[in-house]
Each structure stands twice: as C-alpha cells, then as structure tokens.
Full PDB file with SEQRES, HELIX, SHEET, SSBOND, CRYST1, ORIGX, SCALE, CONECT and MASTER records, all heavy atoms in Angstrom:
SEQRES   1 A   42  ALA VAL ILE GLY LYS SER THR ASP GLU LYS GLN MET ILE          
SEQRES   2 A   42  VAL LYS GLY LEU PRO PRO SER GLN LEU THR THR PHE VAL          
SEQRES   3 A   42  GLU VAL ILE GLY ILE ALA ASP GLY GLN ASN SER ILE SER          
SEQRES   4 A   42  ALA ASP LYS                                                  
SHEET    1 AA1 4 VAL A   2  LYS A   5  0                                        
SHEET    2 AA1 4 GLN A  11  LYS A  15 -1                                        
SHEET    3 AA1 4 SER A  37  ALA A  40  1                                        
SHEET    4 AA1 4 GLY A  30  GLY A  34 -1                                        
CRYST1    1.000    1.000    1.000  90.00  90.00  90.00 P 1           1          
ORIGX1      1.000000  0.000000  0.000000        0.00000                         
ORIGX2      0.000000  1.000000  0.000000        0.00000                         
ORIGX3      0.000000  0.000000  1.000000        0.00000                         
SCALE1      1.000000  0.000000  0.000000        0.00000                         
SCALE2      0.000000  1.000000  0.000000        0.00000                         
SCALE3      0.000000  0.000000  1.000000        0.00000                         
ATOM      1  N   ALA A   1     -82.178 -14.248  26.396  1.00  0.00           N  
ATOM      2  CA  ALA A   1     -82.654 -15.505  25.805  1.00  0.00           C  
ATOM      3  C   ALA A   1     -84.177 -15.452  25.701  1.00  0.00           C  
ATOM      4  O   ALA A   1     -84.847 -14.829  26.521  1.00  0.00           O  
ATOM      5  CB  ALA A   1     -82.227 -16.700  26.642  1.00  0.00           C  
ATOM      6  N   VAL A   2     -84.674 -16.104  24.678  1.00  0.00           N  
ATOM      7  CA  VAL A   2     -86.118 -16.209  24.487  1.00  0.00           C  
ATOM      8  C   VAL A   2     -86.481 -17.683  24.572  1.00  0.00           C  
ATOM      9  O   VAL A   2     -85.862 -18.528  23.924  1.00  0.00           O  
ATOM     10  CB  VAL A   2     -86.531 -15.627  23.117  1.00  0.00           C  
ATOM     11  CG1 VAL A   2     -87.989 -15.922  22.819  1.00  0.00           C  
ATOM     12  CG2 VAL A   2     -86.262 -14.128  23.069  1.00  0.00           C  
ATOM     13  N   ILE A   3     -87.462 -17.975  25.402  1.00  0.00           N  
ATOM     14  CA  ILE A   3     -88.014 -19.320  25.501  1.00  0.00           C  
ATOM     15  C   ILE A   3     -89.218 -19.335  24.576  1.00  0.00           C  
ATOM     16  O   ILE A   3     -90.090 -18.462  24.657  1.00  0.00           O  
ATOM     17  CB  ILE A   3     -88.474 -19.670  26.933  1.00  0.00           C  
ATOM     18  CG1 ILE A   3     -87.363 -19.406  27.953  1.00  0.00           C  
ATOM     19  CG2 ILE A   3     -88.981 -21.104  26.994  1.00  0.00           C  
ATOM     20  CD1 ILE A   3     -86.108 -20.181  27.756  1.00  0.00           C  
ATOM     21  N   GLY A   4     -89.249 -20.315  23.700  1.00  0.00           N  
ATOM     22  CA  GLY A   4     -90.350 -20.371  22.754  1.00  0.00           C  
ATOM     23  C   GLY A   4     -90.812 -21.782  22.497  1.00  0.00           C  
ATOM     24  O   GLY A   4     -90.201 -22.755  22.940  1.00  0.00           O  
ATOM     25  N   LYS A   5     -91.910 -21.859  21.772  1.00  0.00           N  
ATOM     26  CA  LYS A   5     -92.466 -23.149  21.369  1.00  0.00           C  
ATOM     27  C   LYS A   5     -92.236 -23.279  19.876  1.00  0.00           C  
ATOM     28  O   LYS A   5     -92.643 -22.422  19.088  1.00  0.00           O  
ATOM     29  CB  LYS A   5     -93.953 -23.213  21.704  1.00  0.00           C  
ATOM     30  CG  LYS A   5     -94.583 -24.551  21.401  1.00  0.00           C  
ATOM     31  CD  LYS A   5     -95.961 -24.710  21.999  1.00  0.00           C  
ATOM     32  CE  LYS A   5     -96.953 -23.700  21.507  1.00  0.00           C  
ATOM     33  NZ  LYS A   5     -98.330 -23.985  21.890  1.00  0.00           N  
ATOM     34  N   SER A   6     -91.546 -24.342  19.500  1.00  0.00           N  
ATOM     35  CA  SER A   6     -91.268 -24.617  18.101  1.00  0.00           C  
ATOM     36  C   SER A   6     -92.556 -25.029  17.389  1.00  0.00           C  
ATOM     37  O   SER A   6     -93.570 -25.315  18.025  1.00  0.00           O  
ATOM     38  CB  SER A   6     -90.225 -25.733  18.021  1.00  0.00           C  
ATOM     39  OG  SER A   6     -89.987 -26.106  16.693  1.00  0.00           O  
ATOM     40  N   THR A   7     -92.485 -25.095  16.074  1.00  0.00           N  
ATOM     41  CA  THR A   7     -93.672 -25.464  15.297  1.00  0.00           C  
ATOM     42  C   THR A   7     -94.082 -26.916  15.500  1.00  0.00           C  
ATOM     43  O   THR A   7     -95.171 -27.308  15.089  1.00  0.00           O  
ATOM     44  CB  THR A   7     -93.440 -25.189  13.798  1.00  0.00           C  
ATOM     45  OG1 THR A   7     -92.268 -25.890  13.372  1.00  0.00           O  
ATOM     46  CG2 THR A   7     -93.276 -23.705  13.542  1.00  0.00           C  
ATOM     47  N   ASP A   8     -93.227 -27.715  16.150  1.00  0.00           N  
ATOM     48  CA  ASP A   8     -93.602 -29.092  16.489  1.00  0.00           C  
ATOM     49  C   ASP A   8     -94.034 -29.203  17.956  1.00  0.00           C  
ATOM     50  O   ASP A   8     -94.059 -30.290  18.518  1.00  0.00           O  
ATOM     51  CB  ASP A   8     -92.483 -30.077  16.174  1.00  0.00           C  
ATOM     52  CG  ASP A   8     -91.190 -29.772  16.905  1.00  0.00           C  
ATOM     53  OD1 ASP A   8     -91.120 -28.768  17.641  1.00  0.00           O  
ATOM     54  OD2 ASP A   8     -90.223 -30.538  16.731  1.00  0.00           O  
ATOM     55  N   GLU A   9     -94.357 -28.045  18.552  1.00  0.00           N  
ATOM     56  CA  GLU A   9     -94.914 -27.969  19.911  1.00  0.00           C  
ATOM     57  C   GLU A   9     -93.905 -28.251  21.019  1.00  0.00           C  
ATOM     58  O   GLU A   9     -94.281 -28.432  22.162  1.00  0.00           O  
ATOM     59  CB  GLU A   9     -96.126 -28.910  20.080  1.00  0.00           C  
ATOM     60  CG  GLU A   9     -97.254 -28.652  19.111  1.00  0.00           C  
ATOM     61  CD  GLU A   9     -97.985 -27.357  19.395  1.00  0.00           C  
ATOM     62  OE1 GLU A   9     -98.193 -27.015  20.572  1.00  0.00           O  
ATOM     63  OE2 GLU A   9     -98.340 -26.665  18.416  1.00  0.00           O  
ATOM     64  N   LYS A  10     -92.606 -28.300  20.699  1.00  0.00           N  
ATOM     65  CA  LYS A  10     -91.581 -28.548  21.713  1.00  0.00           C  
ATOM     66  C   LYS A  10     -90.861 -27.259  22.055  1.00  0.00           C  
ATOM     67  O   LYS A  10     -90.797 -26.338  21.255  1.00  0.00           O  
ATOM     68  CB  LYS A  10     -90.592 -29.606  21.207  1.00  0.00           C  
ATOM     69  CG  LYS A  10     -91.264 -30.940  20.975  1.00  0.00           C  
ATOM     70  CD  LYS A  10     -90.316 -31.959  20.439  1.00  0.00           C  
ATOM     71  CE  LYS A  10     -91.075 -33.267  20.229  1.00  0.00           C  
ATOM     72  NZ  LYS A  10     -90.400 -34.152  19.331  1.00  0.00           N  
ATOM     73  N   GLN A  11     -90.302 -27.223  23.254  1.00  0.00           N  
ATOM     74  CA  GLN A  11     -89.615 -26.013  23.725  1.00  0.00           C  
ATOM     75  C   GLN A  11     -88.285 -25.813  23.014  1.00  0.00           C  
ATOM     76  O   GLN A  11     -87.552 -26.760  22.754  1.00  0.00           O  
ATOM     77  CB  GLN A  11     -89.368 -26.092  25.224  1.00  0.00           C  
ATOM     78  CG  GLN A  11     -88.695 -24.844  25.772  1.00  0.00           C  
ATOM     79  CD  GLN A  11     -88.571 -24.867  27.270  1.00  0.00           C  
ATOM     80  OE1 GLN A  11     -89.576 -24.801  27.962  1.00  0.00           O  
ATOM     81  NE2 GLN A  11     -87.361 -24.961  27.778  1.00  0.00           N  
ATOM     82  N   MET A  12     -87.986 -24.542  22.725  1.00  0.00           N  
ATOM     83  CA  MET A  12     -86.723 -24.172  22.118  1.00  0.00           C  
ATOM     84  C   MET A  12     -86.230 -22.906  22.813  1.00  0.00           C  
ATOM     85  O   MET A  12     -87.030 -22.037  23.154  1.00  0.00           O  
ATOM     86  CB  MET A  12     -86.905 -23.921  20.614  1.00  0.00           C  
ATOM     87  CG  MET A  12     -85.621 -23.765  19.846  1.00  0.00           C  
ATOM     88  SD  MET A  12     -85.895 -23.482  18.073  1.00  0.00           S  
ATOM     89  CE  MET A  12     -86.409 -25.101  17.522  1.00  0.00           C  
ATOM     90  N   ILE A  13     -84.923 -22.833  23.042  1.00  0.00           N  
ATOM     91  CA  ILE A  13     -84.315 -21.657  23.660  1.00  0.00           C  
ATOM     92  C   ILE A  13     -83.491 -20.947  22.595  1.00  0.00           C  
ATOM     93  O   ILE A  13     -82.691 -21.585  21.906  1.00  0.00           O  
ATOM     94  CB  ILE A  13     -83.409 -22.061  24.837  1.00  0.00           C  
ATOM     95  CG1 ILE A  13     -84.223 -22.801  25.899  1.00  0.00           C  
ATOM     96  CG2 ILE A  13     -82.701 -20.854  25.431  1.00  0.00           C  
ATOM     97  CD1 ILE A  13     -83.385 -23.552  26.911  1.00  0.00           C  
ATOM     98  N   VAL A  14     -83.695 -19.642  22.479  1.00  0.00           N  
ATOM     99  CA  VAL A  14     -82.939 -18.858  21.510  1.00  0.00           C  
ATOM    100  C   VAL A  14     -82.150 -17.813  22.276  1.00  0.00           C  
ATOM    101  O   VAL A  14     -82.713 -16.976  22.978  1.00  0.00           O  
ATOM    102  CB  VAL A  14     -83.860 -18.194  20.468  1.00  0.00           C  
ATOM    103  CG1 VAL A  14     -83.026 -17.454  19.434  1.00  0.00           C  
ATOM    104  CG2 VAL A  14     -84.753 -19.234  19.795  1.00  0.00           C  
ATOM    105  N   LYS A  15     -80.819 -17.893  22.151  1.00  0.00           N  
ATOM    106  CA  LYS A  15     -79.922 -16.966  22.834  1.00  0.00           C  
ATOM    107  C   LYS A  15     -79.529 -15.853  21.884  1.00  0.00           C  
ATOM    108  O   LYS A  15     -79.518 -16.039  20.673  1.00  0.00           O  
ATOM    109  CB  LYS A  15     -78.673 -17.706  23.309  1.00  0.00           C  
ATOM    110  CG  LYS A  15     -78.964 -18.882  24.217  1.00  0.00           C  
ATOM    111  CD  LYS A  15     -77.721 -19.716  24.419  1.00  0.00           C  
ATOM    112  CE  LYS A  15     -78.061 -21.030  25.104  1.00  0.00           C  
ATOM    113  NZ  LYS A  15     -76.938 -21.958  25.087  1.00  0.00           N  
ATOM    114  N   GLY A  16     -79.175 -14.720  22.466  1.00  0.00           N  
ATOM    115  CA  GLY A  16     -78.776 -13.583  21.652  1.00  0.00           C  
ATOM    116  C   GLY A  16     -79.492 -12.328  22.100  1.00  0.00           C  
ATOM    117  O   GLY A  16     -80.104 -12.301  23.165  1.00  0.00           O  
ATOM    118  N   LEU A  17     -79.420 -11.315  21.277  1.00  0.00           N  
ATOM    119  CA  LEU A  17     -80.053 -10.036  21.590  1.00  0.00           C  
ATOM    120  C   LEU A  17     -81.259  -9.823  20.685  1.00  0.00           C  
ATOM    121  O   LEU A  17     -81.116  -9.329  19.563  1.00  0.00           O  
ATOM    122  CB  LEU A  17     -79.048  -8.893  21.421  1.00  0.00           C  
ATOM    123  CG  LEU A  17     -77.859  -8.936  22.382  1.00  0.00           C  
ATOM    124  CD1 LEU A  17     -76.835  -7.878  22.012  1.00  0.00           C  
ATOM    125  CD2 LEU A  17     -78.324  -8.753  23.813  1.00  0.00           C  
ATOM    126  N   PRO A  18     -82.441 -10.173  21.170  1.00  0.00           N  
ATOM    127  CA  PRO A  18     -83.638  -9.987  20.344  1.00  0.00           C  
ATOM    128  C   PRO A  18     -83.973  -8.510  20.216  1.00  0.00           C  
ATOM    129  O   PRO A  18     -83.544  -7.691  21.033  1.00  0.00           O  
ATOM    130  CB  PRO A  18     -84.720 -10.730  21.122  1.00  0.00           C  
ATOM    131  CG  PRO A  18     -84.255 -10.709  22.537  1.00  0.00           C  
ATOM    132  CD  PRO A  18     -82.756 -10.733  22.478  1.00  0.00           C  
ATOM    133  N   PRO A  19     -84.753  -8.145  19.202  1.00  0.00           N  
ATOM    134  CA  PRO A  19     -85.216  -6.762  19.107  1.00  0.00           C  
ATOM    135  C   PRO A  19     -86.048  -6.399  20.337  1.00  0.00           C  
ATOM    136  O   PRO A  19     -86.569  -7.280  21.023  1.00  0.00           O  
ATOM    137  CB  PRO A  19     -86.066  -6.737  17.841  1.00  0.00           C  
ATOM    138  CG  PRO A  19     -86.147  -8.119  17.329  1.00  0.00           C  
ATOM    139  CD  PRO A  19     -85.269  -8.996  18.158  1.00  0.00           C  
ATOM    140  N   SER A  20     -86.171  -5.129  20.607  1.00  0.00           N  
ATOM    141  CA  SER A  20     -86.895  -4.699  21.806  1.00  0.00           C  
ATOM    142  C   SER A  20     -88.363  -5.110  21.773  1.00  0.00           C  
ATOM    143  O   SER A  20     -88.949  -5.395  22.810  1.00  0.00           O  
ATOM    144  CB  SER A  20     -86.768  -3.188  22.000  1.00  0.00           C  
ATOM    145  OG  SER A  20     -87.280  -2.511  20.873  1.00  0.00           O  
ATOM    146  N   GLN A  21     -88.955  -5.136  20.603  1.00  0.00           N  
ATOM    147  CA  GLN A  21     -90.348  -5.548  20.469  1.00  0.00           C  
ATOM    148  C   GLN A  21     -90.417  -6.832  19.657  1.00  0.00           C  
ATOM    149  O   GLN A  21     -89.990  -6.860  18.511  1.00  0.00           O  
ATOM    150  CB  GLN A  21     -91.166  -4.460  19.754  1.00  0.00           C  
ATOM    151  CG  GLN A  21     -91.256  -3.152  20.517  1.00  0.00           C  
ATOM    152  CD  GLN A  21     -92.053  -3.304  21.797  1.00  0.00           C  
ATOM    153  OE1 GLN A  21     -93.087  -3.963  21.825  1.00  0.00           O  
ATOM    154  NE2 GLN A  21     -91.570  -2.703  22.862  1.00  0.00           N  
ATOM    155  N   LEU A  22     -90.933  -7.898  20.251  1.00  0.00           N  
ATOM    156  CA  LEU A  22     -91.120  -9.155  19.549  1.00  0.00           C  
ATOM    157  C   LEU A  22     -92.598  -9.418  19.342  1.00  0.00           C  
ATOM    158  O   LEU A  22     -93.410  -9.183  20.237  1.00  0.00           O  
ATOM    159  CB  LEU A  22     -90.529 -10.324  20.346  1.00  0.00           C  
ATOM    160  CG  LEU A  22     -89.017 -10.400  20.464  1.00  0.00           C  
ATOM    161  CD1 LEU A  22     -88.611 -11.545  21.395  1.00  0.00           C  
ATOM    162  CD2 LEU A  22     -88.388 -10.596  19.095  1.00  0.00           C  
ATOM    163  N   THR A  23     -92.941  -9.924  18.165  1.00  0.00           N  
ATOM    164  CA  THR A  23     -94.311 -10.354  17.930  1.00  0.00           C  
ATOM    165  C   THR A  23     -94.466 -11.771  18.488  1.00  0.00           C  
ATOM    166  O   THR A  23     -93.501 -12.365  18.973  1.00  0.00           O  
ATOM    167  CB  THR A  23     -94.643 -10.325  16.421  1.00  0.00           C  
ATOM    168  OG1 THR A  23     -93.726 -11.151  15.709  1.00  0.00           O  
ATOM    169  CG2 THR A  23     -94.604  -8.900  15.881  1.00  0.00           C  
ATOM    170  N   THR A  24     -95.645 -12.315  18.411  1.00  0.00           N  
ATOM    171  CA  THR A  24     -95.902 -13.651  18.941  1.00  0.00           C  
ATOM    172  C   THR A  24     -95.042 -14.705  18.250  1.00  0.00           C  
ATOM    173  O   THR A  24     -94.513 -15.609  18.896  1.00  0.00           O  
ATOM    174  CB  THR A  24     -97.392 -14.005  18.786  1.00  0.00           C  
ATOM    175  OG1 THR A  24     -98.169 -13.001  19.452  1.00  0.00           O  
ATOM    176  CG2 THR A  24     -97.713 -15.363  19.381  1.00  0.00           C  
ATOM    177  N   PHE A  25     -94.878 -14.575  16.929  1.00  0.00           N  
ATOM    178  CA  PHE A  25     -94.073 -15.520  16.161  1.00  0.00           C  
ATOM    179  C   PHE A  25     -92.848 -14.819  15.601  1.00  0.00           C  
ATOM    180  O   PHE A  25     -92.947 -13.713  15.072  1.00  0.00           O  
ATOM    181  CB  PHE A  25     -94.895 -16.156  15.036  1.00  0.00           C  
ATOM    182  CG  PHE A  25     -96.011 -17.015  15.544  1.00  0.00           C  
ATOM    183  CD1 PHE A  25     -97.291 -16.502  15.705  1.00  0.00           C  
ATOM    184  CD2 PHE A  25     -95.778 -18.332  15.910  1.00  0.00           C  
ATOM    185  CE1 PHE A  25     -98.318 -17.285  16.195  1.00  0.00           C  
ATOM    186  CE2 PHE A  25     -96.800 -19.122  16.408  1.00  0.00           C  
ATOM    187  CZ  PHE A  25     -98.065 -18.601  16.551  1.00  0.00           C  
ATOM    188  N   VAL A  26     -91.695 -15.491  15.727  1.00  0.00           N  
ATOM    189  CA  VAL A  26     -90.419 -14.914  15.312  1.00  0.00           C  
ATOM    190  C   VAL A  26     -89.615 -15.973  14.573  1.00  0.00           C  
ATOM    191  O   VAL A  26     -89.553 -17.123  15.012  1.00  0.00           O  
ATOM    192  CB  VAL A  26     -89.609 -14.437  16.547  1.00  0.00           C  
ATOM    193  CG1 VAL A  26     -88.258 -13.892  16.147  1.00  0.00           C  
ATOM    194  CG2 VAL A  26     -90.391 -13.412  17.339  1.00  0.00           C  
ATOM    195  N   GLU A  27     -89.008 -15.559  13.452  1.00  0.00           N  
ATOM    196  CA  GLU A  27     -88.040 -16.440  12.803  1.00  0.00           C  
ATOM    197  C   GLU A  27     -86.661 -16.051  13.291  1.00  0.00           C  
ATOM    198  O   GLU A  27     -86.332 -14.860  13.367  1.00  0.00           O  
ATOM    199  CB  GLU A  27     -88.077 -16.310  11.282  1.00  0.00           C  
ATOM    200  CG  GLU A  27     -87.063 -17.238  10.624  1.00  0.00           C  
ATOM    201  CD  GLU A  27     -86.914 -17.038   9.134  1.00  0.00           C  
ATOM    202  OE1 GLU A  27     -86.675 -15.884   8.708  1.00  0.00           O  
ATOM    203  OE2 GLU A  27     -87.023 -18.030   8.405  1.00  0.00           O  
ATOM    204  N   VAL A  28     -85.857 -17.045  13.618  1.00  0.00           N  
ATOM    205  CA  VAL A  28     -84.483 -16.803  14.038  1.00  0.00           C  
ATOM    206  C   VAL A  28     -83.544 -17.576  13.119  1.00  0.00           C  
ATOM    207  O   VAL A  28     -83.863 -18.674  12.671  1.00  0.00           O  
ATOM    208  CB  VAL A  28     -84.234 -17.195  15.511  1.00  0.00           C  
ATOM    209  CG1 VAL A  28     -85.026 -16.301  16.442  1.00  0.00           C  
ATOM    210  CG2 VAL A  28     -84.559 -18.649  15.768  1.00  0.00           C  
ATOM    211  N   ILE A  29     -82.399 -16.966  12.836  1.00  0.00           N  
ATOM    212  CA  ILE A  29     -81.344 -17.613  12.066  1.00  0.00           C  
ATOM    213  C   ILE A  29     -80.083 -17.506  12.898  1.00  0.00           C  
ATOM    214  O   ILE A  29     -79.754 -16.430  13.407  1.00  0.00           O  
ATOM    215  CB  ILE A  29     -81.151 -16.950  10.692  1.00  0.00           C  
ATOM    216  CG1 ILE A  29     -82.435 -17.049   9.866  1.00  0.00           C  
ATOM    217  CG2 ILE A  29     -79.968 -17.594   9.950  1.00  0.00           C  
ATOM    218  CD1 ILE A  29     -82.387 -16.318   8.540  1.00  0.00           C  
ATOM    219  N   GLY A  30     -79.395 -18.629  13.051  1.00  0.00           N  
ATOM    220  CA  GLY A  30     -78.179 -18.638  13.848  1.00  0.00           C  
ATOM    221  C   GLY A  30     -77.551 -20.015  13.865  1.00  0.00           C  
ATOM    222  O   GLY A  30     -77.862 -20.863  13.027  1.00  0.00           O  
ATOM    223  N   ILE A  31     -76.712 -20.244  14.842  1.00  0.00           N  
ATOM    224  CA  ILE A  31     -75.998 -21.507  14.962  1.00  0.00           C  
ATOM    225  C   ILE A  31     -76.673 -22.378  16.023  1.00  0.00           C  
ATOM    226  O   ILE A  31     -76.899 -21.918  17.141  1.00  0.00           O  
ATOM    227  CB  ILE A  31     -74.515 -21.272  15.348  1.00  0.00           C  
ATOM    228  CG1 ILE A  31     -73.833 -20.366  14.323  1.00  0.00           C  
ATOM    229  CG2 ILE A  31     -73.774 -22.602  15.502  1.00  0.00           C  
ATOM    230  CD1 ILE A  31     -73.777 -20.915  12.908  1.00  0.00           C  
ATOM    231  N   ALA A  32     -76.985 -23.612  15.644  1.00  0.00           N  
ATOM    232  CA  ALA A  32     -77.533 -24.570  16.616  1.00  0.00           C  
ATOM    233  C   ALA A  32     -76.417 -24.882  17.608  1.00  0.00           C  
ATOM    234  O   ALA A  32     -75.360 -25.362  17.224  1.00  0.00           O  
ATOM    235  CB  ALA A  32     -77.994 -25.840  15.912  1.00  0.00           C  
ATOM    236  N   ASP A  33     -76.644 -24.554  18.876  1.00  0.00           N  
ATOM    237  CA  ASP A  33     -75.579 -24.777  19.856  1.00  0.00           C  
ATOM    238  C   ASP A  33     -75.944 -25.822  20.900  1.00  0.00           C  
ATOM    239  O   ASP A  33     -75.268 -25.956  21.906  1.00  0.00           O  
ATOM    240  CB  ASP A  33     -75.131 -23.464  20.505  1.00  0.00           C  
ATOM    241  CG  ASP A  33     -76.204 -22.783  21.314  1.00  0.00           C  
ATOM    242  OD1 ASP A  33     -77.332 -23.302  21.400  1.00  0.00           O  
ATOM    243  OD2 ASP A  33     -75.924 -21.716  21.875  1.00  0.00           O  
ATOM    244  N   GLY A  34     -77.000 -26.563  20.643  1.00  0.00           N  
ATOM    245  CA  GLY A  34     -77.403 -27.629  21.554  1.00  0.00           C  
ATOM    246  C   GLY A  34     -78.618 -28.343  21.004  1.00  0.00           C  
ATOM    247  O   GLY A  34     -79.136 -28.001  19.939  1.00  0.00           O  
ATOM    248  N   GLN A  35     -79.086 -29.339  21.735  1.00  0.00           N  
ATOM    249  CA  GLN A  35     -80.239 -30.132  21.310  1.00  0.00           C  
ATOM    250  C   GLN A  35     -81.521 -29.305  21.199  1.00  0.00           C  
ATOM    251  O   GLN A  35     -82.403 -29.642  20.424  1.00  0.00           O  
ATOM    252  CB  GLN A  35     -80.465 -31.294  22.283  1.00  0.00           C  
ATOM    253  CG  GLN A  35     -79.379 -32.338  22.249  1.00  0.00           C  
ATOM    254  CD  GLN A  35     -79.327 -33.087  20.918  1.00  0.00           C  
ATOM    255  OE1 GLN A  35     -80.343 -33.448  20.344  1.00  0.00           O  
ATOM    256  NE2 GLN A  35     -78.128 -33.312  20.427  1.00  0.00           N  
ATOM    257  N   ASN A  36     -81.595 -28.230  22.002  1.00  0.00           N  
ATOM    258  CA  ASN A  36     -82.820 -27.418  21.943  1.00  0.00           C  
ATOM    259  C   ASN A  36     -82.523 -25.922  21.967  1.00  0.00           C  
ATOM    260  O   ASN A  36     -83.363 -25.140  22.387  1.00  0.00           O  
ATOM    261  CB  ASN A  36     -83.779 -27.793  23.075  1.00  0.00           C  
ATOM    262  CG  ASN A  36     -83.291 -27.324  24.427  1.00  0.00           C  
ATOM    263  OD1 ASN A  36     -82.100 -27.086  24.639  1.00  0.00           O  
ATOM    264  ND2 ASN A  36     -84.211 -27.180  25.359  1.00  0.00           N  
ATOM    265  N   SER A  37     -81.326 -25.526  21.514  1.00  0.00           N  
ATOM    266  CA  SER A  37     -81.028 -24.087  21.561  1.00  0.00           C  
ATOM    267  C   SER A  37     -80.279 -23.602  20.324  1.00  0.00           C  
ATOM    268  O   SER A  37     -79.524 -24.339  19.695  1.00  0.00           O  
ATOM    269  CB  SER A  37     -80.244 -23.734  22.820  1.00  0.00           C  
ATOM    270  OG  SER A  37     -78.967 -24.327  22.805  1.00  0.00           O  
ATOM    271  N   ILE A  38     -80.536 -22.340  20.023  1.00  0.00           N  
ATOM    272  CA  ILE A  38     -79.918 -21.646  18.891  1.00  0.00           C  
ATOM    273  C   ILE A  38     -79.298 -20.364  19.415  1.00  0.00           C  
ATOM    274  O   ILE A  38     -79.904 -19.646  20.210  1.00  0.00           O  
ATOM    275  CB  ILE A  38     -80.966 -21.292  17.813  1.00  0.00           C  
ATOM    276  CG1 ILE A  38     -81.601 -22.553  17.234  1.00  0.00           C  
ATOM    277  CG2 ILE A  38     -80.350 -20.431  16.703  1.00  0.00           C  
ATOM    278  CD1 ILE A  38     -82.772 -22.279  16.302  1.00  0.00           C  
ATOM    279  N   SER A  39     -78.106 -20.062  18.936  1.00  0.00           N  
ATOM    280  CA  SER A  39     -77.465 -18.779  19.195  1.00  0.00           C  
ATOM    281  C   SER A  39     -77.771 -17.918  17.973  1.00  0.00           C  
ATOM    282  O   SER A  39     -77.179 -18.111  16.905  1.00  0.00           O  
ATOM    283  CB  SER A  39     -75.961 -18.996  19.334  1.00  0.00           C  
ATOM    284  OG  SER A  39     -75.424 -18.190  20.291  1.00  0.00           O  
ATOM    285  N   ALA A  40     -78.740 -17.023  18.098  1.00  0.00           N  
ATOM    286  CA  ALA A  40     -79.267 -16.302  16.938  1.00  0.00           C  
ATOM    287  C   ALA A  40     -78.489 -15.030  16.646  1.00  0.00           C  
ATOM    288  O   ALA A  40     -78.100 -14.301  17.554  1.00  0.00           O  
ATOM    289  CB  ALA A  40     -80.733 -15.960  17.164  1.00  0.00           C  
ATOM    290  N   ASP A  41     -78.294 -14.778  15.352  1.00  0.00           N  
ATOM    291  CA  ASP A  41     -77.721 -13.500  14.947  1.00  0.00           C  
ATOM    292  C   ASP A  41     -78.696 -12.691  14.101  1.00  0.00           C  
ATOM    293  O   ASP A  41     -78.470 -11.531  13.815  1.00  0.00           O  
ATOM    294  CB  ASP A  41     -76.380 -13.676  14.225  1.00  0.00           C  
ATOM    295  CG  ASP A  41     -76.444 -14.615  13.041  1.00  0.00           C  
ATOM    296  OD1 ASP A  41     -77.537 -14.873  12.534  1.00  0.00           O  
ATOM    297  OD2 ASP A  41     -75.374 -15.080  12.619  1.00  0.00           O  
ATOM    298  N   LYS A  42     -79.824 -13.310  13.723  1.00  0.00           N  
ATOM    299  CA  LYS A  42     -80.846 -12.585  12.976  1.00  0.00           C  
ATOM    300  C   LYS A  42     -82.223 -12.957  13.525  1.00  0.00           C  
ATOM    301  O   LYS A  42     -82.537 -14.128  13.711  1.00  0.00           O  
ATOM    302  CB  LYS A  42     -80.757 -12.919  11.488  1.00  0.00           C  
ATOM    303  CG  LYS A  42     -81.726 -12.126  10.664  1.00  0.00           C  
ATOM    304  CD  LYS A  42     -81.456 -12.229   9.191  1.00  0.00           C  
ATOM    305  CE  LYS A  42     -82.420 -11.303   8.472  1.00  0.00           C  
ATOM    306  NZ  LYS A  42     -82.317 -11.403   7.040  1.00  0.00           N  
TER     307      LYS A  42                                                      
MASTER        0    0    0    0    4    0    0    6  306    1    0    4          
END                                                                             
C-alpha cells in the first residue's frame, strides 16, 4: 500500500502492487474501495 497526499491535501491510501521505483507524484487507476482508498491496477 502507498500512503499519499491527494491534490486536495488530504490523505489517500492506494492498495496494490506499485512499481519498484515510484516518483514523488503518481497517477493511479483502479476501483474506489472506501472513503479514502483505491485498489489500483495501473
């Protein structure tokens, strides 16, 4: 899981298998599985 700050300055949790190297900013596409979390597949 990746803990991140959304563009509205609020915390967001992204579950899944991120690439081994992440840059500071990442776009994720997936299914919203909660009020503040996404299950990402891309």
